Protein backbone atom coordinates (compact mmCIF):
# COMPACT_ATOMS: atom_id res chain seq x y z
CA UNK A 1 33.39 33.45 -23.54
CA UNK A 2 32.12 36.84 -21.16
CA UNK A 3 30.48 35.05 -18.75
CA UNK A 4 26.90 36.83 -18.01
CA UNK A 5 26.21 39.22 -14.49
CA UNK A 6 23.21 39.01 -12.83
CA UNK A 7 22.16 41.62 -10.53
CA UNK A 8 21.56 40.39 -6.71
CA UNK A 9 18.05 40.68 -5.75
CA UNK A 10 17.91 41.38 -2.52
CA UNK A 11 13.20 40.36 -1.62
CA UNK A 12 12.27 43.47 0.77
CA UNK A 13 11.98 43.22 4.50
CA UNK A 14 8.68 42.70 6.14
CA UNK A 15 7.41 41.07 9.54
CA UNK A 16 5.67 38.49 7.37
CA UNK A 17 4.39 35.21 9.07
CA UNK A 18 8.15 33.19 9.53
CA UNK A 19 8.57 30.24 9.25
CA UNK A 20 9.55 28.59 13.64
CA UNK A 21 10.99 25.21 12.89
CA UNK A 22 14.88 24.63 11.52
CA UNK A 23 15.15 21.94 8.74
CA UNK A 24 15.64 19.42 11.75
CA UNK A 25 13.51 20.45 13.80
CA UNK A 26 10.56 20.13 11.86
CA UNK A 27 11.81 16.20 11.86
CA UNK A 28 9.98 15.21 14.62
CA UNK A 29 6.94 13.35 14.07
CA UNK A 30 6.55 11.33 11.30
CA UNK A 31 4.01 13.30 8.98
CA UNK A 32 6.25 16.36 9.39
CA UNK A 33 9.24 14.13 8.19
CA UNK A 34 6.57 12.75 4.94
CA UNK A 35 5.67 16.66 3.98
CA UNK A 36 9.42 17.96 3.80
CA UNK A 37 9.91 14.58 1.64
CA UNK A 38 7.07 14.55 -0.44
CA UNK A 39 8.79 18.50 -1.20
CA UNK A 40 11.73 16.95 -2.34
CA UNK A 41 10.76 14.29 -3.95
CA UNK A 42 8.76 16.96 -6.28
CA UNK A 43 12.01 18.38 -7.88
CA UNK A 44 12.10 21.55 -6.54
CA UNK A 45 16.04 21.74 -6.78
CA UNK A 46 17.12 25.50 -5.38
CA UNK A 47 13.67 26.42 -5.42
CA UNK A 48 12.88 24.36 -2.28
CA UNK A 49 15.55 26.07 -0.03
CA UNK A 50 15.15 29.40 -1.73
CA UNK A 51 11.55 29.34 -0.14
CA UNK A 52 12.71 28.17 2.84
CA UNK A 53 14.24 31.51 3.50
CA UNK A 54 11.92 33.08 2.32
CA UNK A 55 9.50 31.13 4.68
CA UNK A 56 12.38 31.77 7.85
CA UNK A 57 12.76 35.40 6.68
CA UNK A 58 9.26 36.14 7.39
CA UNK A 59 8.97 37.27 4.02
CA UNK A 60 4.46 36.16 4.32
CA UNK A 61 3.04 38.75 4.33
CA UNK A 62 -0.76 36.75 4.52
CA UNK A 63 -1.33 33.11 4.53
CA UNK A 64 -5.81 31.20 4.32
CA UNK A 65 -6.45 27.71 4.00
CA UNK A 66 -9.94 27.10 3.79
CA UNK A 67 -10.42 22.99 3.38
CA UNK A 68 -8.63 22.17 -0.33
CA UNK A 69 -7.48 25.63 -0.61
CA UNK A 70 -4.27 27.78 0.46
CA UNK A 71 -4.28 31.53 -0.90
CA UNK A 72 -1.16 33.79 0.46
CA UNK A 73 0.65 36.83 -0.62
CA UNK A 74 4.43 36.50 -0.84
CA UNK A 75 6.71 39.34 0.08
CA UNK A 76 9.71 39.34 -2.75
CA UNK A 77 11.66 42.23 -4.15
CA UNK A 78 8.42 44.03 -5.62
CA UNK A 79 6.91 46.95 -4.27
CA UNK A 80 3.28 44.76 -4.26
CA UNK A 81 3.43 40.99 -3.45
CA UNK A 82 3.25 38.11 -4.64
CA UNK A 83 -0.69 36.56 -4.82
CA UNK A 84 -0.19 32.19 -4.07
CA UNK A 85 -2.55 29.91 -4.57
CA UNK A 86 -2.39 26.51 -4.02
CA UNK A 87 -5.25 24.35 -4.59
CA UNK A 88 -5.22 20.38 -3.73
CA UNK A 89 -7.46 17.18 -4.69
CA UNK A 90 -10.00 15.61 -3.45
CA UNK A 91 -11.65 12.13 -2.57
CA UNK A 92 -15.25 12.29 -4.39
CA UNK A 93 -18.35 10.09 -4.80
CA UNK A 94 -17.50 6.72 -3.55
CA UNK A 95 -14.14 7.07 -2.83
CA UNK A 96 -14.96 9.77 -0.65
CA UNK A 97 -17.12 7.83 1.44
CA UNK A 98 -15.70 4.77 1.93
CA UNK A 99 -12.62 6.85 3.56
CA UNK A 100 -15.18 9.19 5.82
CA UNK A 101 -16.92 5.29 6.73
CA UNK A 102 -13.89 3.47 7.76
CA UNK A 103 -12.62 6.59 9.49
CA UNK A 104 -15.35 6.62 11.35
CA UNK A 105 -15.34 3.31 12.00
CA UNK A 106 -12.02 3.41 14.17
CA UNK A 107 -13.14 6.50 16.87
CA UNK A 108 -9.50 6.61 18.08
CA UNK A 109 -8.97 7.68 15.19
CA UNK A 110 -10.40 10.69 15.18
CA UNK A 111 -9.17 10.92 18.96
CA UNK A 112 -5.91 11.34 17.96
CA UNK A 113 -6.14 12.76 15.69
CA UNK A 114 -8.02 15.65 18.14
CA UNK A 115 -4.97 15.23 20.43
CA UNK A 116 -2.20 16.46 17.40
CA UNK A 117 -1.34 13.48 16.70
CA UNK A 118 -1.49 11.62 13.42
CA UNK A 119 -1.72 7.18 13.20
CA UNK A 120 -0.73 5.29 10.98
CA UNK A 121 -3.15 3.79 9.78
CA UNK A 122 -5.50 7.42 8.38
CA UNK A 123 -2.69 6.91 6.24
CA UNK A 124 -3.64 3.33 5.83
CA UNK A 125 -7.22 3.50 5.01
CA UNK A 126 -6.10 7.23 2.89
CA UNK A 127 -4.15 4.31 -0.13
CA UNK A 128 -6.40 1.48 0.77
CA UNK A 129 -9.28 3.29 -1.28
CA UNK A 130 -6.77 4.24 -3.31
CA UNK A 131 -5.67 8.15 -2.98
CA UNK A 132 -2.67 9.80 -1.12
CA UNK A 133 -3.70 11.38 2.56
CA UNK A 134 -0.20 13.64 1.23
CA UNK A 135 -0.43 16.39 -0.79
CA UNK A 136 2.22 15.83 -3.98
CA UNK A 137 0.99 11.85 -4.65
CA UNK A 138 2.24 12.22 -9.03
CA UNK A 139 0.50 10.99 -11.36
CA UNK A 140 0.37 10.76 -15.03
CA UNK A 141 2.73 13.12 -17.15
CA UNK A 142 0.91 15.04 -19.03
CA UNK A 143 0.30 15.98 -22.93
CA UNK A 144 3.60 18.09 -22.56
CA UNK A 145 5.45 15.26 -21.03
CA UNK A 146 5.71 17.27 -17.17
CA UNK A 147 5.49 16.20 -14.61
CA UNK A 148 2.06 16.46 -12.85
CA UNK A 149 0.30 15.97 -9.52
CA UNK A 150 -2.36 16.21 -6.98
CA UNK A 151 -2.20 19.84 -6.06
CA UNK A 152 -2.55 22.88 -8.31
CA UNK A 153 -0.02 25.23 -7.68
CA UNK A 154 0.23 28.89 -8.82
CA UNK A 155 1.59 32.86 -8.21
CA UNK A 156 1.43 36.17 -9.90
CA UNK A 157 5.10 36.85 -10.51
CA UNK A 158 7.51 35.91 -13.70
CA UNK A 159 8.91 33.02 -12.48
CA UNK A 160 8.85 30.12 -16.04
CA UNK A 161 8.74 27.84 -12.91
CA UNK A 162 5.72 25.99 -10.62
CA UNK A 163 5.66 25.78 -7.94
CA UNK A 164 8.01 28.80 -7.92
CA UNK A 165 10.65 29.58 -5.34
CA UNK A 166 7.36 31.58 -3.51
CA UNK A 167 4.78 28.76 -4.07
CA UNK A 168 7.46 26.90 -1.77
CA UNK A 169 8.18 28.63 0.99
CA UNK A 170 4.26 29.15 1.51
CA UNK A 171 4.21 25.18 1.15
CA UNK A 172 6.64 25.33 3.69
CA UNK A 173 4.36 27.32 6.34
CA UNK A 174 1.75 24.95 5.50
CA UNK A 175 4.26 22.15 6.09
CA UNK A 176 4.24 23.37 10.21
CA UNK A 177 0.33 23.89 10.02
CA UNK A 178 0.07 20.01 9.52
CA UNK A 179 3.46 19.37 11.58
CA UNK A 180 1.14 21.26 15.25
CA UNK A 181 -2.12 19.71 13.75
CA UNK A 182 -1.16 17.28 11.27
CA UNK A 183 -5.81 16.68 11.15
CA UNK A 184 -5.16 19.46 8.19
CA UNK A 185 -4.36 17.00 6.25
CA UNK A 186 -7.43 15.86 6.24
CA UNK A 187 -9.50 19.22 5.74
CA UNK A 188 -6.55 19.38 2.67
CA UNK A 189 -8.69 16.52 0.55
CA UNK A 190 -11.88 17.80 1.63
CA UNK A 191 -12.81 16.26 5.02
CA UNK A 192 -12.80 17.89 7.57
CA UNK A 193 -13.44 16.14 11.15
CA UNK A 194 -16.73 16.62 12.32
CA UNK A 195 -17.73 14.05 9.51
CA UNK A 196 -15.75 11.30 11.13
CA UNK A 197 -18.89 11.52 14.68
CA UNK A 198 -21.86 9.59 15.04
CA UNK A 199 -24.78 12.19 14.59
CA UNK A 200 -26.05 10.60 17.81
């Protein structure tokens, strides 16, 4: 039986956003390690490795984070970059109010977040209210039997997998933002830092 041969496809070069941390270096904080473990637990397999290669080689042409909504362009083998969007589930109603109230009641938590530190107590506040601080928490399986996570991803590439390698690259770059500025985790959940301070 003859084996199929596929042409080698090399991504187009672009001097885009480049991941700065190595695989080992990204584990310098507990929240960085947790982010990476979330990605590895999503069953991305080789797409995560390929996404990391895209991130390290600077294939991300643009990246924009607006609270729980991410938009990015990733250069692949085609002329036009692929458009990637990621939307994170946010707490609403009473759950959101309880989380914000709990964080406001502990001013040192907000102070440490401003100093780019993430106290484990912040994660505990979210979990105590039945919500995950770290994106990627598994929800119930869908009717089609596929796993459902608390974020929605899409990419304009033709890959049937979702998340694809382009989305994986964006999540790796986002992980570096979280590593440098852990308050970004709250923003992904729709909670801004200014909400954690008393108005007077």
